[in-house]
Each structure stands twice: as structure tokens, then as C-alpha cells.
């Protein structure tokens, strides 16, 4: 019995809403219809590769690799932080933190609130060092700051006192 020829192909689909169990379009590869699906189940994002060939008495061994690619613009970092926190992705949280420290033009207030909410200590330290006036501190503490615990308030007070 001869070894069958190995065949490879690439499928791409941009899912606009990954949380809706959407199928990608059927694509014909080697005269067989295929499609991909994303499925969100129990806080896990699952990817499926479907072979739509009808009939019985045949099987196929398949290996596939999934790459998730998305926008990495300044506007989406907050959404990525939410997802990284929801799915406990420490690597994604770290990369968002690095982006906010090194490249983002987001306001200090947004960065500081994200640092507190997602426990991004390097970002919090950077934000504290970037507070140059009492107005900076007032802006951060002014709006909904109920999520600040006593130690955060203490740090902000110490920073305000050091600015004299």
C-alpha cells in the first residue's frame, strides 16, 4: 500500500464577531468543500475546521494551525485588555502593558485606570512617574474612582504632596 501524497492549503476568513458561532464561507480545496468556524464556549474560544465531503467509508488525518490576527491600533487596546483578563491570558496582558507604556498615546487617566483594573504594576509605576502636577492627579481621581483601594489613594496622596 502506497503512502498518500501530503497536501496543504491555506484558508483565511475575517470573523467580524467571534462570539456568534459564525462559519466562514465554504472554500473548495482539492475538490472538497471546507470551512472554518469560531465558537465561544465556557470562556474558551475554539476554532474548528470542517470538511463537508459527503459519503462514508473514508477518513482524513488532518493537522491544522490557527493564527488569530487582529487590529493592533490604539483604539483596540482596551478591548484586548478585557479579553485578556476574561481568558486569563497573562501574555496578552503583558503585551498590552508594554504597548501602553512604550507606544500608546492614550491619556494618562485611561492608562492609570487600566493599570489599576488589570493589575499592571509596571504601567502604574510609569503613570505615577508621569504625573507632573496636582491637576494630573485631580483628573485621575475626579471621575469614577471607586475601584481605587486605600493603598492607591495613599500613593496618589504621597505623589500630590511630593509635587510641592
C-alpha atoms as a PDB file:
ATOM      1  CA  UNK A   1       0.000   0.000   0.000  1.00  0.00           C
ATOM      2  CA  UNK A   2       1.462   3.337  -1.010  1.00  0.00           C
ATOM      3  CA  UNK A   3       1.616   6.372   1.226  1.00  0.00           C
ATOM      4  CA  UNK A   4      -0.843   9.048   0.075  1.00  0.00           C
ATOM      5  CA  UNK A   5       0.506  12.356  -1.121  1.00  0.00           C
ATOM      6  CA  UNK A   6       0.528  15.066   1.544  1.00  0.00           C
ATOM      7  CA  UNK A   7      -1.474  18.117   0.558  1.00  0.00           C
ATOM      8  CA  UNK A   8      -1.513  21.544   2.133  1.00  0.00           C
ATOM      9  CA  UNK A   9      -3.690  24.607   1.773  1.00  0.00           C
ATOM     10  CA  UNK A  10      -4.383  27.904   3.477  1.00  0.00           C
ATOM     11  CA  UNK A  11      -7.806  29.277   4.369  1.00  0.00           C
ATOM     12  CA  UNK A  12      -8.391  32.804   5.576  1.00  0.00           C
ATOM     13  CA  UNK A  13     -11.506  34.404   6.935  1.00  0.00           C
ATOM     14  CA  UNK A  14     -12.060  37.617   8.860  1.00  0.00           C
ATOM     15  CA  UNK A  15     -14.660  36.992  11.555  1.00  0.00           C
ATOM     16  CA  UNK A  16     -16.370  40.258  12.382  1.00  0.00           C
ATOM     17  CA  UNK A  17     -17.987  38.888  15.533  1.00  0.00           C
ATOM     18  CA  UNK A  18     -16.048  35.965  17.001  1.00  0.00           C
ATOM     19  CA  UNK A  19     -18.684  35.359  19.684  1.00  0.00           C
ATOM     20  CA  UNK A  20     -21.564  34.413  17.335  1.00  0.00           C
ATOM     21  CA  UNK A  21     -20.513  30.876  16.301  1.00  0.00           C
ATOM     22  CA  UNK A  22     -20.168  32.131  12.740  1.00  0.00           C
ATOM     23  CA  UNK A  23     -18.990  29.841   9.917  1.00  0.00           C
ATOM     24  CA  UNK A  24     -16.597  31.103   7.316  1.00  0.00           C
ATOM     25  CA  UNK A  25     -17.622  30.565   3.686  1.00  0.00           C
ATOM     26  CA  UNK A  26     -17.168  27.138   2.120  1.00  0.00           C
ATOM     27  CA  UNK A  27     -13.993  27.018   0.070  1.00  0.00           C
ATOM     28  CA  UNK A  28     -13.088  24.277  -2.379  1.00  0.00           C
ATOM     29  CA  UNK A  29      -9.642  22.768  -1.853  1.00  0.00           C
ATOM     30  CA  UNK A  30      -8.636  19.659  -3.847  1.00  0.00           C
ATOM     31  CA  UNK A  31     -12.275  19.310  -4.992  1.00  0.00           C
ATOM     32  CA  UNK A  32     -13.551  19.131  -1.405  1.00  0.00           C
ATOM     33  CA  UNK A  33     -15.556  21.882   0.362  1.00  0.00           C
ATOM     34  CA  UNK A  34     -14.041  23.168   3.618  1.00  0.00           C
ATOM     35  CA  UNK A  35     -14.948  25.916   6.062  1.00  0.00           C
ATOM     36  CA  UNK A  36     -13.805  27.237   9.402  1.00  0.00           C
ATOM     37  CA  UNK A  37     -15.805  28.203  12.459  1.00  0.00           C
ATOM     38  CA  UNK A  38     -15.090  30.059  15.669  1.00  0.00           C
ATOM     39  CA  UNK A  39     -17.096  29.028  18.691  1.00  0.00           C
ATOM     40  CA  UNK A  40     -17.082  30.569  22.152  1.00  0.00           C
ATOM     41  CA  UNK A  41     -17.881  28.034  24.882  1.00  0.00           C
ATOM     42  CA  UNK A  42     -17.343  28.309  28.635  1.00  0.00           C
ATOM     43  CA  UNK A  43     -14.964  31.274  28.296  1.00  0.00           C
ATOM     44  CA  UNK A  44     -12.889  29.414  25.698  1.00  0.00           C
ATOM     45  CA  UNK A  45     -12.548  30.375  22.086  1.00  0.00           C
ATOM     46  CA  UNK A  46     -12.472  27.253  19.908  1.00  0.00           C
ATOM     47  CA  UNK A  47     -11.597  27.023  16.219  1.00  0.00           C
ATOM     48  CA  UNK A  48     -12.937  24.249  14.006  1.00  0.00           C
ATOM     49  CA  UNK A  49     -12.014  23.100  10.523  1.00  0.00           C
ATOM     50  CA  UNK A  50     -14.922  21.415   8.695  1.00  0.00           C
ATOM     51  CA  UNK A  51     -14.706  19.077   5.729  1.00  0.00           C
ATOM     52  CA  UNK A  52     -18.115  18.988   4.009  1.00  0.00           C
ATOM     53  CA  UNK A  53     -17.470  15.925   1.847  1.00  0.00           C
ATOM     54  CA  UNK A  54     -20.490  13.628   1.897  1.00  0.00           C
ATOM     55  CA  UNK A  55     -20.363   9.872   1.955  1.00  0.00           C
ATOM     56  CA  UNK A  56     -18.960   7.233   4.209  1.00  0.00           C
ATOM     57  CA  UNK A  57     -16.061   4.852   4.201  1.00  0.00           C
ATOM     58  CA  UNK A  58     -13.340   7.433   4.068  1.00  0.00           C
ATOM     59  CA  UNK A  59     -11.317   9.401   6.580  1.00  0.00           C
ATOM     60  CA  UNK A  60      -8.636  12.003   6.594  1.00  0.00           C
ATOM     61  CA  UNK A  61      -5.868  12.753   9.042  1.00  0.00           C
ATOM     62  CA  UNK A  62      -5.556  16.488   9.358  1.00  0.00           C
ATOM     63  CA  UNK A  63      -3.269  18.831  11.176  1.00  0.00           C
ATOM     64  CA  UNK A  64      -4.069  22.489  11.222  1.00  0.00           C
ATOM     65  CA  UNK A  65      -2.694  25.657  12.665  1.00  0.00           C
ATOM     66  CA  UNK A  66      -4.813  28.641  13.609  1.00  0.00           C
ATOM     67  CA  UNK A  67      -3.450  32.167  13.709  1.00  0.00           C
ATOM     68  CA  UNK A  68      -5.514  34.923  15.245  1.00  0.00           C
ATOM     69  CA  UNK A  69      -4.695  38.269  13.757  1.00  0.00           C
ATOM     70  CA  UNK A  70      -6.432  41.477  14.637  1.00  0.00           C
ATOM     71  CA  UNK A  71      -6.098  45.205  14.622  1.00  0.00           C
ATOM     72  CA  UNK A  72      -3.402  46.439  16.917  1.00  0.00           C
ATOM     73  CA  UNK A  73      -4.292  50.041  16.956  1.00  0.00           C
ATOM     74  CA  UNK A  74      -4.528  52.409  19.871  1.00  0.00           C
ATOM     75  CA  UNK A  75      -8.349  52.187  19.884  1.00  0.00           C
ATOM     76  CA  UNK A  76      -8.481  48.431  20.463  1.00  0.00           C
ATOM     77  CA  UNK A  77      -6.126  48.029  23.415  1.00  0.00           C
ATOM     78  CA  UNK A  78      -8.986  48.392  25.905  1.00  0.00           C
ATOM     79  CA  UNK A  79     -10.929  45.583  24.208  1.00  0.00           C
ATOM     80  CA  UNK A  80      -7.846  43.374  24.140  1.00  0.00           C
ATOM     81  CA  UNK A  81      -7.331  44.039  27.861  1.00  0.00           C
ATOM     82  CA  UNK A  82     -10.911  42.955  28.578  1.00  0.00           C
ATOM     83  CA  UNK A  83     -10.485  39.744  26.605  1.00  0.00           C
ATOM     84  CA  UNK A  84      -7.057  39.017  28.088  1.00  0.00           C
ATOM     85  CA  UNK A  85      -8.482  39.434  31.571  1.00  0.00           C
ATOM     86  CA  UNK A  86     -11.567  37.350  30.791  1.00  0.00           C
ATOM     87  CA  UNK A  87      -9.497  34.479  29.381  1.00  0.00           C
ATOM     88  CA  UNK A  88      -6.680  34.908  31.926  1.00  0.00           C
ATOM     89  CA  UNK A  89      -4.081  35.466  29.212  1.00  0.00           C
ATOM     90  CA  UNK A  90      -1.044  36.728  31.073  1.00  0.00           C
ATOM     91  CA  UNK A  91       0.953  37.080  27.850  1.00  0.00           C
ATOM     92  CA  UNK A  92      -1.698  39.305  26.246  1.00  0.00           C
ATOM     93  CA  UNK A  93      -1.928  41.428  29.415  1.00  0.00           C
ATOM     94  CA  UNK A  94       1.849  41.833  29.422  1.00  0.00           C
ATOM     95  CA  UNK A  95       1.911  42.833  25.748  1.00  0.00           C
ATOM     96  CA  UNK A  96      -0.884  45.370  26.294  1.00  0.00           C
ATOM     97  CA  UNK A  97       1.014  46.771  29.259  1.00  0.00           C
ATOM     98  CA  UNK A  98       4.170  47.118  27.141  1.00  0.00           C
ATOM     99  CA  UNK A  99       2.176  48.800  24.371  1.00  0.00           C
ATOM    100  CA  UNK A 100       0.598  51.270  26.807  1.00  0.00           C
ATOM    101  CA  UNK A 101       3.997  52.093  28.311  1.00  0.00           C
ATOM    102  CA  UNK A 102       6.034  52.370  25.112  1.00  0.00           C
ATOM    103  CA  UNK A 103       3.765  53.309  22.205  1.00  0.00           C
ATOM    104  CA  UNK A 104       0.266  54.366  23.179  1.00  0.00           C
ATOM    105  CA  UNK A 105      -0.882  57.965  23.032  1.00  0.00           C
ATOM    106  CA  UNK A 106      -3.848  57.234  25.302  1.00  0.00           C
ATOM    107  CA  UNK A 107      -4.414  59.752  28.107  1.00  0.00           C
ATOM    108  CA  UNK A 108      -2.740  59.261  31.471  1.00  0.00           C
ATOM    109  CA  UNK A 109      -6.147  58.795  33.094  1.00  0.00           C
ATOM    110  CA  UNK A 110      -7.054  55.826  30.862  1.00  0.00           C
ATOM    111  CA  UNK A 111      -3.651  54.217  31.355  1.00  0.00           C
ATOM    112  CA  UNK A 112      -3.776  54.625  35.138  1.00  0.00           C
ATOM    113  CA  UNK A 113      -7.302  53.205  35.372  1.00  0.00           C
ATOM    114  CA  UNK A 114      -6.288  50.240  33.196  1.00  0.00           C
ATOM    115  CA  UNK A 115      -3.215  49.681  35.365  1.00  0.00           C
ATOM    116  CA  UNK A 116      -5.398  49.514  38.479  1.00  0.00           C
ATOM    117  CA  UNK A 117      -8.190  47.450  36.939  1.00  0.00           C
ATOM    118  CA  UNK A 118      -5.917  44.831  35.350  1.00  0.00           C
ATOM    119  CA  UNK A 119      -3.143  44.958  37.981  1.00  0.00           C
ATOM    120  CA  UNK A 120      -0.485  46.182  35.550  1.00  0.00           C
ATOM    121  CA  UNK A 121       2.154  47.277  38.051  1.00  0.00           C
ATOM    122  CA  UNK A 122       4.797  48.474  35.575  1.00  0.00           C
ATOM    123  CA  UNK A 123       2.191  50.652  33.872  1.00  0.00           C
ATOM    124  CA  UNK A 124       1.000  52.015  37.223  1.00  0.00           C
ATOM    125  CA  UNK A 125       4.585  52.900  38.156  1.00  0.00           C
ATOM    126  CA  UNK A 126       5.088  54.634  34.781  1.00  0.00           C
ATOM    127  CA  UNK A 127       1.820  56.577  35.207  1.00  0.00           C
ATOM    128  CA  UNK A 128       2.833  57.681  38.701  1.00  0.00           C
ATOM    129  CA  UNK A 129       6.176  58.938  37.385  1.00  0.00           C
ATOM    130  CA  UNK A 130       4.386  60.815  34.563  1.00  0.00           C
ATOM    131  CA  UNK A 131       2.163  62.736  36.985  1.00  0.00           C
ATOM    132  CA  UNK A 132       3.772  66.144  36.939  1.00  0.00           C
ATOM    133  CA  UNK A 133       1.127  68.340  38.525  1.00  0.00           C
ATOM    134  CA  UNK A 134      -1.678  68.264  41.055  1.00  0.00           C
ATOM    135  CA  UNK A 135      -4.034  68.736  38.098  1.00  0.00           C
ATOM    136  CA  UNK A 136      -2.869  65.390  36.684  1.00  0.00           C
ATOM    137  CA  UNK A 137      -3.720  63.708  39.974  1.00  0.00           C
ATOM    138  CA  UNK A 138      -7.010  65.574  40.275  1.00  0.00           C
ATOM    139  CA  UNK A 139      -8.034  64.458  36.766  1.00  0.00           C
ATOM    140  CA  UNK A 140      -7.346  60.814  37.616  1.00  0.00           C
ATOM    141  CA  UNK A 141      -9.149  60.949  40.966  1.00  0.00           C
ATOM    142  CA  UNK A 142     -12.022  63.152  39.800  1.00  0.00           C
ATOM    143  CA  UNK A 143     -14.114  60.709  37.791  1.00  0.00           C
ATOM    144  CA  UNK A 144     -15.425  57.349  38.991  1.00  0.00           C
ATOM    145  CA  UNK A 145     -12.531  56.238  41.190  1.00  0.00           C
ATOM    146  CA  UNK A 146     -14.463  53.793  43.365  1.00  0.00           C
ATOM    147  CA  UNK A 147     -12.205  50.989  42.182  1.00  0.00           C
ATOM    148  CA  UNK A 148      -9.196  52.637  43.872  1.00  0.00           C
ATOM    149  CA  UNK A 149      -8.368  50.894  47.132  1.00  0.00           C
ATOM    150  CA  UNK A 150      -6.762  52.541  50.162  1.00  0.00           C
ATOM    151  CA  UNK A 151      -3.205  51.838  49.005  1.00  0.00           C
ATOM    152  CA  UNK A 152      -3.861  53.546  45.642  1.00  0.00           C
ATOM    153  CA  UNK A 153      -5.291  56.605  47.411  1.00  0.00           C
ATOM    154  CA  UNK A 154      -2.232  56.626  49.674  1.00  0.00           C
ATOM    155  CA  UNK A 155       0.126  56.563  46.672  1.00  0.00           C
ATOM    156  CA  UNK A 156      -1.809  59.386  44.990  1.00  0.00           C
ATOM    157  CA  UNK A 157      -1.730  61.468  48.179  1.00  0.00           C
ATOM    158  CA  UNK A 158       2.013  60.896  48.588  1.00  0.00           C
ATOM    159  CA  UNK A 159       2.565  61.866  44.953  1.00  0.00           C
ATOM    160  CA  UNK A 160       0.468  65.037  45.382  1.00  0.00           C
ATOM    161  CA  UNK A 161       2.429  66.010  48.488  1.00  0.00           C
ATOM    162  CA  UNK A 162       5.742  65.421  46.692  1.00  0.00           C
ATOM    163  CA  UNK A 163       4.795  67.867  43.926  1.00  0.00           C
ATOM    164  CA  UNK A 164       5.029  70.941  46.158  1.00  0.00           C
END
